[in-house]
């Protein structure tokens, strides 16, 4: 495995695990009516490579899935994923 491939793998696993965990934590805090993680933080983590973790977190925790209330999540995160997938293919070609 090339060094760039190792870096991409480690970064991808780490950022997606973090993003998934943050979505779960935010949902837990929402249910308990406690201080929430800012939407900008969740979207930022998704943009930095955590789109798969965000999508899984949204689906598993049923969090930020209402397109009327959260269009940036419902439409934006899949767009982030498409861009990240294109970048990944370009980097690893």
PDB file of N, CA and C in Angstrom:
ATOM      1  N   UNK A   1       0.844  -1.179   0.000  1.00  0.00           N
ATOM      2  CA  UNK A   1       0.000   0.000   0.000  1.00  0.00           C
ATOM      3  C   UNK A   1       0.890   1.243   0.000  1.00  0.00           C
ATOM      4  N   UNK A   2       0.576   2.178  -0.874  1.00  0.00           N
ATOM      5  CA  UNK A   2       1.331   3.424  -0.986  1.00  0.00           C
ATOM      6  C   UNK A   2       1.049   4.309   0.231  1.00  0.00           C
ATOM      7  N   UNK A   3       2.001   5.194   0.581  1.00  0.00           N
ATOM      8  CA  UNK A   3       1.786   6.090   1.733  1.00  0.00           C
ATOM      9  C   UNK A   3       0.522   6.941   1.611  1.00  0.00           C
ATOM     10  N   UNK A   4       0.235   7.439   0.412  1.00  0.00           N
ATOM     11  CA  UNK A   4      -0.970   8.264   0.251  1.00  0.00           C
ATOM     12  C   UNK A   4      -2.227   7.424   0.484  1.00  0.00           C
ATOM     13  N   UNK A   5      -2.189   6.162   0.104  1.00  0.00           N
ATOM     14  CA  UNK A   5      -3.336   5.291   0.337  1.00  0.00           C
ATOM     15  C   UNK A   5      -3.543   5.037   1.825  1.00  0.00           C
ATOM     16  N   UNK A   6      -2.449   4.850   2.564  1.00  0.00           N
ATOM     17  CA  UNK A   6      -2.545   4.668   4.026  1.00  0.00           C
ATOM     18  C   UNK A   6      -3.115   5.913   4.685  1.00  0.00           C
ATOM     19  N   UNK A   7      -2.631   7.081   4.258  1.00  0.00           N
ATOM     20  CA  UNK A   7      -3.107   8.339   4.824  1.00  0.00           C
ATOM     21  C   UNK A   7      -4.605   8.513   4.567  1.00  0.00           C
ATOM     22  N   UNK A   8      -5.030   8.252   3.350  1.00  0.00           N
ATOM     23  CA  UNK A   8      -6.449   8.378   3.004  1.00  0.00           C
ATOM     24  C   UNK A   8      -7.290   7.405   3.833  1.00  0.00           C
ATOM     25  N   UNK A   9      -6.810   6.188   3.993  1.00  0.00           N
ATOM     26  CA  UNK A   9      -7.532   5.182   4.762  1.00  0.00           C
ATOM     27  C   UNK A   9      -7.664   5.576   6.234  1.00  0.00           C
ATOM     28  N   UNK A  10      -6.562   5.977   6.839  1.00  0.00           N
ATOM     29  CA  UNK A  10      -6.585   6.368   8.258  1.00  0.00           C
ATOM     30  C   UNK A  10      -7.459   7.597   8.462  1.00  0.00           C
ATOM     31  N   UNK A  11      -7.278   8.606   7.595  1.00  0.00           N
ATOM     32  CA  UNK A  11      -8.094   9.824   7.708  1.00  0.00           C
ATOM     33  C   UNK A  11      -9.574   9.479   7.532  1.00  0.00           C
ATOM     34  N   UNK A  12      -9.889   8.692   6.507  1.00  0.00           N
ATOM     35  CA  UNK A  12     -11.280   8.352   6.233  1.00  0.00           C
ATOM     36  C   UNK A  12     -11.943   7.619   7.377  1.00  0.00           C
ATOM     37  N   UNK A  13     -11.258   6.640   7.923  1.00  0.00           N
ATOM     38  CA  UNK A  13     -11.826   5.898   9.050  1.00  0.00           C
ATOM     39  C   UNK A  13     -12.014   6.798  10.266  1.00  0.00           C
ATOM     40  N   UNK A  14     -11.000   7.590  10.563  1.00  0.00           N
ATOM     41  CA  UNK A  14     -11.062   8.449  11.744  1.00  0.00           C
ATOM     42  C   UNK A  14     -12.137   9.510  11.663  1.00  0.00           C
ATOM     43  N   UNK A  15     -12.195  10.245  10.546  1.00  0.00           N
ATOM     44  CA  UNK A  15     -13.159  11.338  10.425  1.00  0.00           C
ATOM     45  C   UNK A  15     -14.585  10.807  10.358  1.00  0.00           C
ATOM     46  N   UNK A  16     -14.776   9.645   9.745  1.00  0.00           N
ATOM     47  CA  UNK A  16     -16.120   9.083   9.672  1.00  0.00           C
ATOM     48  C   UNK A  16     -16.583   8.535  11.014  1.00  0.00           C
ATOM     49  N   UNK A  17     -15.687   7.937  11.767  1.00  0.00           N
ATOM     50  CA  UNK A  17     -16.037   7.474  13.108  1.00  0.00           C
ATOM     51  C   UNK A  17     -16.386   8.664  14.009  1.00  0.00           C
ATOM     52  N   UNK A  18     -15.593   9.720  13.924  1.00  0.00           N
ATOM     53  CA  UNK A  18     -15.867  10.927  14.710  1.00  0.00           C
ATOM     54  C   UNK A  18     -17.208  11.544  14.327  1.00  0.00           C
ATOM     55  N   UNK A  19     -17.456  11.670  13.033  1.00  0.00           N
ATOM     56  CA  UNK A  19     -18.700  12.279  12.560  1.00  0.00           C
ATOM     57  C   UNK A  19     -19.913  11.456  12.989  1.00  0.00           C
ATOM     58  N   UNK A  20     -19.835  10.150  12.811  1.00  0.00           N
ATOM     59  CA  UNK A  20     -20.917   9.259  13.228  1.00  0.00           C
ATOM     60  C   UNK A  20     -21.188   9.422  14.725  1.00  0.00           C
ATOM     61  N   UNK A  21     -20.132   9.453  15.518  1.00  0.00           N
ATOM     62  CA  UNK A  21     -20.271   9.598  16.974  1.00  0.00           C
ATOM     63  C   UNK A  21     -20.900  10.935  17.343  1.00  0.00           C
ATOM     64  N   UNK A  22     -20.525  11.984  16.634  1.00  0.00           N
ATOM     65  CA  UNK A  22     -21.081  13.312  16.931  1.00  0.00           C
ATOM     66  C   UNK A  22     -22.574  13.367  16.602  1.00  0.00           C
ATOM     67  N   UNK A  23     -22.993  12.716  15.533  1.00  0.00           N
ATOM     68  CA  UNK A  23     -24.419  12.669  15.214  1.00  0.00           C
ATOM     69  C   UNK A  23     -25.174  11.920  16.314  1.00  0.00           C
ATOM     70  N   UNK A  24     -24.617  10.823  16.790  1.00  0.00           N
ATOM     71  CA  UNK A  24     -25.254  10.076  17.872  1.00  0.00           C
ATOM     72  C   UNK A  24     -25.324  10.878  19.156  1.00  0.00           C
ATOM     73  N   UNK A  25     -24.229  11.558  19.483  1.00  0.00           N
ATOM     74  CA  UNK A  25     -24.189  12.383  20.691  1.00  0.00           C
ATOM     75  C   UNK A  25     -25.181  13.530  20.601  1.00  0.00           C
ATOM     76  N   UNK A  26     -25.265  14.165  19.438  1.00  0.00           N
ATOM     77  CA  UNK A  26     -26.201  15.278  19.279  1.00  0.00           C
ATOM     78  C   UNK A  26     -27.642  14.794  19.419  1.00  0.00           C
ATOM     79  N   UNK A  27     -27.949  13.635  18.868  1.00  0.00           N
ATOM     80  CA  UNK A  27     -29.306  13.098  18.989  1.00  0.00           C
ATOM     81  C   UNK A  27     -29.631  12.794  20.456  1.00  0.00           C
ATOM     82  N   UNK A  28     -28.675  12.227  21.172  1.00  0.00           N
ATOM     83  CA  UNK A  28     -28.888  11.947  22.593  1.00  0.00           C
ATOM     84  C   UNK A  28     -29.150  13.242  23.357  1.00  0.00           C
ATOM     85  N   UNK A  29     -28.351  14.265  23.060  1.00  0.00           N
ATOM     86  CA  UNK A  29     -28.540  15.551  23.737  1.00  0.00           C
ATOM     87  C   UNK A  29     -29.885  16.176  23.370  1.00  0.00           C
ATOM     88  N   UNK A  30     -30.320  15.998  22.142  1.00  0.00           N
ATOM     89  CA  UNK A  30     -31.623  16.538  21.727  1.00  0.00           C
ATOM     90  C   UNK A  30     -32.746  15.887  22.527  1.00  0.00           C
ATOM     91  N   UNK A  31     -32.665  14.589  22.693  1.00  0.00           N
ATOM     92  CA  UNK A  31     -33.702  13.875  23.452  1.00  0.00           C
ATOM     93  C   UNK A  31     -33.747  14.300  24.909  1.00  0.00           C
ATOM     94  N   UNK A  32     -32.588  14.637  25.461  1.00  0.00           N
ATOM     95  CA  UNK A  32     -32.515  15.037  26.873  1.00  0.00           C
ATOM     96  C   UNK A  32     -32.643  16.546  27.050  1.00  0.00           C
ATOM     97  N   UNK A  33     -32.893  17.258  25.945  1.00  0.00           N
ATOM     98  CA  UNK A  33     -33.034  18.718  25.951  1.00  0.00           C
ATOM     99  C   UNK A  33     -31.827  19.391  26.592  1.00  0.00           C
ATOM    100  N   UNK A  34     -30.652  18.968  26.159  1.00  0.00           N
ATOM    101  CA  UNK A  34     -29.404  19.530  26.659  1.00  0.00           C
ATOM    102  C   UNK A  34     -28.725  20.326  25.555  1.00  0.00           C
ATOM    103  N   UNK A  35     -27.578  20.928  25.905  1.00  0.00           N
ATOM    104  CA  UNK A  35     -26.802  21.709  24.945  1.00  0.00           C
ATOM    105  C   UNK A  35     -26.470  20.846  23.739  1.00  0.00           C
ATOM    106  N   UNK A  36     -26.636  21.419  22.544  1.00  0.00           N
ATOM    107  CA  UNK A  36     -26.485  20.672  21.294  1.00  0.00           C
ATOM    108  C   UNK A  36     -25.171  21.000  20.598  1.00  0.00           C
ATOM    109  N   UNK A  37     -24.765  20.108  19.737  1.00  0.00           N
ATOM    110  CA  UNK A  37     -23.608  20.330  18.881  1.00  0.00           C
ATOM    111  C   UNK A  37     -24.079  21.226  17.732  1.00  0.00           C
ATOM    112  N   UNK A  38     -23.374  22.317  17.456  1.00  0.00           N
ATOM    113  CA  UNK A  38     -23.819  23.221  16.379  1.00  0.00           C
ATOM    114  C   UNK A  38     -23.914  22.504  15.030  1.00  0.00           C
ATOM    115  N   UNK A  39     -24.924  22.894  14.246  1.00  0.00           N
ATOM    116  CA  UNK A  39     -25.090  22.306  12.921  1.00  0.00           C
ATOM    117  C   UNK A  39     -23.860  22.545  12.059  1.00  0.00           C
ATOM    118  N   UNK A  40     -23.219  23.700  12.224  1.00  0.00           N
ATOM    119  CA  UNK A  40     -22.018  24.008  11.445  1.00  0.00           C
ATOM    120  C   UNK A  40     -20.901  23.002  11.730  1.00  0.00           C
ATOM    121  N   UNK A  41     -20.820  22.535  12.968  1.00  0.00           N
ATOM    122  CA  UNK A  41     -19.808  21.532  13.325  1.00  0.00           C
ATOM    123  C   UNK A  41     -20.106  20.206  12.631  1.00  0.00           C
ATOM    124  N   UNK A  42     -21.366  19.779  12.668  1.00  0.00           N
ATOM    125  CA  UNK A  42     -21.753  18.526  12.028  1.00  0.00           C
ATOM    126  C   UNK A  42     -21.532  18.590  10.517  1.00  0.00           C
ATOM    127  N   UNK A  43     -21.915  19.707   9.907  1.00  0.00           N
ATOM    128  CA  UNK A  43     -21.706  19.864   8.469  1.00  0.00           C
ATOM    129  C   UNK A  43     -20.225  19.972   8.129  1.00  0.00           C
ATOM    130  N   UNK A  44     -19.460  20.653   8.977  1.00  0.00           N
ATOM    131  CA  UNK A  44     -18.025  20.789   8.752  1.00  0.00           C
ATOM    132  C   UNK A  44     -17.304  19.454   8.792  1.00  0.00           C
ATOM    133  N   UNK A  45     -17.648  18.626   9.760  1.00  0.00           N
ATOM    134  CA  UNK A  45     -17.056  17.289   9.832  1.00  0.00           C
ATOM    135  C   UNK A  45     -17.407  16.470   8.594  1.00  0.00           C
ATOM    136  N   UNK A  46     -18.639  16.618   8.137  1.00  0.00           N
ATOM    137  CA  UNK A  46     -19.077  15.913   6.939  1.00  0.00           C
ATOM    138  C   UNK A  46     -18.289  16.377   5.720  1.00  0.00           C
ATOM    139  N   UNK A  47     -18.088  17.670   5.620  1.00  0.00           N
ATOM    140  CA  UNK A  47     -17.348  18.241   4.495  1.00  0.00           C
ATOM    141  C   UNK A  47     -15.883  17.829   4.504  1.00  0.00           C
ATOM    142  N   UNK A  48     -15.312  17.658   5.689  1.00  0.00           N
ATOM    143  CA  UNK A  48     -13.895  17.287   5.816  1.00  0.00           C
ATOM    144  C   UNK A  48     -13.628  15.800   5.556  1.00  0.00           C
ATOM    145  N   UNK A  49     -14.642  15.082   5.113  1.00  0.00           N
ATOM    146  CA  UNK A  49     -14.436  13.679   4.775  1.00  0.00           C
ATOM    147  C   UNK A  49     -15.347  12.725   5.517  1.00  0.00           C
ATOM    148  N   UNK A  50     -16.187  13.238   6.393  1.00  0.00           N
ATOM    149  CA  UNK A  50     -17.036  12.382   7.210  1.00  0.00           C
ATOM    150  C   UNK A  50     -18.436  12.173   6.675  1.00  0.00           C
ATOM    151  N   UNK A  51     -18.616  12.301   5.377  1.00  0.00           N
ATOM    152  CA  UNK A  51     -19.973  12.196   4.817  1.00  0.00           C
ATOM    153  C   UNK A  51     -20.589  10.807   4.997  1.00  0.00           C
ATOM    154  N   UNK A  52     -19.794   9.769   4.911  1.00  0.00           N
ATOM    155  CA  UNK A  52     -20.340   8.413   5.108  1.00  0.00           C
ATOM    156  C   UNK A  52     -20.799   8.253   6.558  1.00  0.00           C
ATOM    157  N   UNK A  53     -19.986   8.699   7.510  1.00  0.00           N
ATOM    158  CA  UNK A  53     -20.370   8.650   8.915  1.00  0.00           C
ATOM    159  C   UNK A  53     -21.614   9.475   9.185  1.00  0.00           C
ATOM    160  N   UNK A  54     -21.731  10.619   8.508  1.00  0.00           N
ATOM    161  CA  UNK A  54     -22.911  11.470   8.673  1.00  0.00           C
ATOM    162  C   UNK A  54     -24.162  10.785   8.135  1.00  0.00           C
ATOM    163  N   UNK A  55     -24.048  10.203   6.957  1.00  0.00           N
ATOM    164  CA  UNK A  55     -25.203   9.521   6.358  1.00  0.00           C
ATOM    165  C   UNK A  55     -25.634   8.348   7.241  1.00  0.00           C
ATOM    166  N   UNK A  56     -24.673   7.571   7.706  1.00  0.00           N
ATOM    167  CA  UNK A  56     -25.006   6.451   8.591  1.00  0.00           C
ATOM    168  C   UNK A  56     -25.614   6.942   9.898  1.00  0.00           C
ATOM    169  N   UNK A  57     -25.063   8.004  10.460  1.00  0.00           N
ATOM    170  CA  UNK A  57     -25.600   8.567  11.693  1.00  0.00           C
ATOM    171  C   UNK A  57     -27.007   9.110  11.517  1.00  0.00           C
ATOM    172  N   UNK A  58     -27.233   9.782  10.396  1.00  0.00           N
ATOM    173  CA  UNK A  58     -28.568  10.303  10.120  1.00  0.00           C
ATOM    174  C   UNK A  58     -29.575   9.166  10.033  1.00  0.00           C
ATOM    175  N   UNK A  59     -29.206   8.109   9.366  1.00  0.00           N
ATOM    176  CA  UNK A  59     -30.126   6.989   9.171  1.00  0.00           C
ATOM    177  C   UNK A  59     -30.320   6.187  10.461  1.00  0.00           C
ATOM    178  N   UNK A  60     -29.238   5.840  11.119  1.00  0.00           N
ATOM    179  CA  UNK A  60     -29.329   5.003  12.312  1.00  0.00           C
ATOM    180  C   UNK A  60     -30.024   5.724  13.471  1.00  0.00           C
ATOM    181  N   UNK A  61     -29.681   7.005  13.674  1.00  0.00           N
ATOM    182  CA  UNK A  61     -30.233   7.752  14.804  1.00  0.00           C
ATOM    183  C   UNK A  61     -31.485   8.535  14.419  1.00  0.00           C
ATOM    184  N   UNK A  62     -31.922   8.456  13.155  1.00  0.00           N
ATOM    185  CA  UNK A  62     -33.071   9.231  12.667  1.00  0.00           C
ATOM    186  C   UNK A  62     -32.903  10.701  13.043  1.00  0.00           C
ATOM    187  N   UNK A  63     -31.764  11.238  12.642  1.00  0.00           N
ATOM    188  CA  UNK A  63     -31.383  12.573  13.063  1.00  0.00           C
ATOM    189  C   UNK A  63     -31.117  13.466  11.854  1.00  0.00           C
ATOM    190  N   UNK A  64     -31.739  14.629  11.835  1.00  0.00           N
ATOM    191  CA  UNK A  64     -31.575  15.623  10.771  1.00  0.00           C
ATOM    192  C   UNK A  64     -31.999  15.067   9.413  1.00  0.00           C
ATOM    193  N   UNK A  65     -33.086  14.312   9.388  1.00  0.00           N
ATOM    194  CA  UNK A  65     -33.532  13.681   8.149  1.00  0.00           C
ATOM    195  C   UNK A  65     -34.758  14.347   7.534  1.00  0.00           C
ATOM    196  N   UNK A  66     -35.295  15.388   8.153  1.00  0.00           N
ATOM    197  CA  UNK A  66     -36.468  16.085   7.638  1.00  0.00           C
ATOM    198  C   UNK A  66     -36.004  17.150   6.639  1.00  0.00           C
ATOM    199  N   UNK A  67     -36.312  16.947   5.361  1.00  0.00           N
ATOM    200  CA  UNK A  67     -35.846  17.868   4.313  1.00  0.00           C
ATOM    201  C   UNK A  67     -36.414  19.271   4.485  1.00  0.00           C
ATOM    202  N   UNK A  68     -37.596  19.373   5.061  1.00  0.00           N
ATOM    203  CA  UNK A  68     -38.185  20.691   5.276  1.00  0.00           C
ATOM    204  C   UNK A  68     -37.462  21.494   6.343  1.00  0.00           C
ATOM    205  N   UNK A  69     -36.989  20.830   7.372  1.00  0.00           N
ATOM    206  CA  UNK A  69     -36.315  21.513   8.477  1.00  0.00           C
ATOM    207  C   UNK A  69     -34.802  21.521   8.343  1.00  0.00           C
ATOM    208  N   UNK A  70     -34.246  20.533   7.640  1.00  0.00           N
ATOM    209  CA  UNK A  70     -32.790  20.391   7.558  1.00  0.00           C
ATOM    210  C   UNK A  70     -32.317  20.113   6.129  1.00  0.00           C
ATOM    211  N   UNK A  71     -32.613  21.022   5.190  1.00  0.00           N
ATOM    212  CA  UNK A  71     -32.226  20.754   3.798  1.00  0.00           C
ATOM    213  C   UNK A  71     -30.712  20.666   3.598  1.00  0.00           C
ATOM    214  N   UNK A  72     -29.938  21.384   4.385  1.00  0.00           N
ATOM    215  CA  UNK A  72     -28.478  21.325   4.252  1.00  0.00           C
ATOM    216  C   UNK A  72     -27.954  19.927   4.547  1.00  0.00           C
ATOM    217  N   UNK A  73     -28.625  19.218   5.418  1.00  0.00           N
ATOM    218  CA  UNK A  73     -28.213  17.859   5.764  1.00  0.00           C
ATOM    219  C   UNK A  73     -28.732  16.849   4.742  1.00  0.00           C
ATOM    220  N   UNK A  74     -30.013  16.951   4.422  1.00  0.00           N
ATOM    221  CA  UNK A  74     -30.647  15.973   3.537  1.00  0.00           C
ATOM    222  C   UNK A  74     -30.075  16.050   2.120  1.00  0.00           C
ATOM    223  N   UNK A  75     -29.765  17.261   1.653  1.00  0.00           N
ATOM    224  CA  UNK A  75     -29.251  17.432   0.288  1.00  0.00           C
ATOM    225  C   UNK A  75     -27.746  17.676   0.259  1.00  0.00           C
ATOM    226  N   UNK A  76     -27.246  18.403   1.235  1.00  0.00           N
ATOM    227  CA  UNK A  76     -25.831  18.772   1.228  1.00  0.00           C
ATOM    228  C   UNK A  76     -24.881  17.619   1.486  1.00  0.00           C
ATOM    229  N   UNK A  77     -25.185  16.803   2.462  1.00  0.00           N
ATOM    230  CA  UNK A  77     -24.267  15.707   2.812  1.00  0.00           C
ATOM    231  C   UNK A  77     -24.129  14.695   1.670  1.00  0.00           C
ATOM    232  N   UNK A  78     -25.210  14.316   0.974  1.00  0.00           N
ATOM    233  CA  UNK A  78     -24.999  13.451  -0.198  1.00  0.00           C
ATOM    234  C   UNK A  78     -24.137  14.119  -1.284  1.00  0.00           C
ATOM    235  N   UNK A  79     -24.253  15.433  -1.432  1.00  0.00           N
ATOM    236  CA  UNK A  79     -23.386  16.138  -2.384  1.00  0.00           C
ATOM    237  C   UNK A  79     -21.931  16.109  -1.919  1.00  0.00           C
ATOM    238  N   UNK A  80     -21.714  16.276  -0.613  1.00  0.00           N
ATOM    239  CA  UNK A  80     -20.356  16.152  -0.065  1.00  0.00           C
ATOM    240  C   UNK A  80     -19.794  14.767  -0.385  1.00  0.00           C
ATOM    241  N   UNK A  81     -20.638  13.739  -0.190  1.00  0.00           N
ATOM    242  CA  UNK A  81     -20.203  12.367  -0.458  1.00  0.00           C
ATOM    243  C   UNK A  81     -19.794  12.194  -1.924  1.00  0.00           C
ATOM    244  N   UNK A  82     -20.602  12.715  -2.825  1.00  0.00           N
ATOM    245  CA  UNK A  82     -20.280  12.595  -4.259  1.00  0.00           C
ATOM    246  C   UNK A  82     -18.948  13.271  -4.570  1.00  0.00           C
ATOM    247  N   UNK A  83     -18.729  14.442  -4.014  1.00  0.00           N
ATOM    248  CA  UNK A  83     -17.463  15.132  -4.229  1.00  0.00           C
ATOM    249  C   UNK A  83     -16.290  14.385  -3.623  1.00  0.00           C
ATOM    250  N   UNK A  84     -16.482  13.830  -2.441  1.00  0.00           N
ATOM    251  CA  UNK A  84     -15.416  13.079  -1.780  1.00  0.00           C
ATOM    252  C   UNK A  84     -15.100  11.793  -2.530  1.00  0.00           C
ATOM    253  N   UNK A  85     -16.121  11.163  -3.065  1.00  0.00           N
ATOM    254  CA  UNK A  85     -15.904   9.953  -3.850  1.00  0.00           C
ATOM    255  C   UNK A  85     -15.106  10.276  -5.121  1.00  0.00           C
ATOM    256  N   UNK A  86     -15.455  11.365  -5.778  1.00  0.00           N
ATOM    257  CA  UNK A  86     -14.711  11.787  -6.979  1.00  0.00           C
ATOM    258  C   UNK A  86     -13.259  12.097  -6.630  1.00  0.00           C
ATOM    259  N   UNK A  87     -13.040  12.791  -5.514  1.00  0.00           N
ATOM    260  CA  UNK A  87     -11.678  13.102  -5.073  1.00  0.00           C
ATOM    261  C   UNK A  87     -10.898  11.839  -4.739  1.00  0.00           C
ATOM    262  N   UNK A  88     -11.537  10.905  -4.081  1.00  0.00           N
ATOM    263  CA  UNK A  88     -10.891   9.642  -3.729  1.00  0.00           C
ATOM    264  C   UNK A  88     -10.469   8.862  -4.977  1.00  0.00           C
ATOM    265  N   UNK A  89     -11.361   8.808  -5.944  1.00  0.00           N
ATOM    266  CA  UNK A  89     -11.030   8.110  -7.195  1.00  0.00           C
ATOM    267  C   UNK A  89      -9.855   8.797  -7.877  1.00  0.00           C
ATOM    268  N   UNK A  90      -9.861  10.122  -7.888  1.00  0.00           N
ATOM    269  CA  UNK A  90      -8.762  10.866  -8.501  1.00  0.00           C
ATOM    270  C   UNK A  90      -7.442  10.642  -7.764  1.00  0.00           C
ATOM    271  N   UNK A  91      -7.481  10.653  -6.427  1.00  0.00           N
ATOM    272  CA  UNK A  91      -6.251  10.466  -5.638  1.00  0.00           C
ATOM    273  C   UNK A  91      -5.667   9.074  -5.789  1.00  0.00           C
ATOM    274  N   UNK A  92      -6.500   8.069  -5.901  1.00  0.00           N
ATOM    275  CA  UNK A  92      -6.037   6.690  -5.901  1.00  0.00           C
ATOM    276  C   UNK A  92      -5.898   6.082  -7.294  1.00  0.00           C
ATOM    277  N   UNK A  93      -6.045   6.872  -8.309  1.00  0.00           N
ATOM    278  CA  UNK A  93      -5.915   6.318  -9.672  1.00  0.00           C
ATOM    279  C   UNK A  93      -4.474   6.048 -10.019  1.00  0.00           C
TER     280      UNK A  93
END
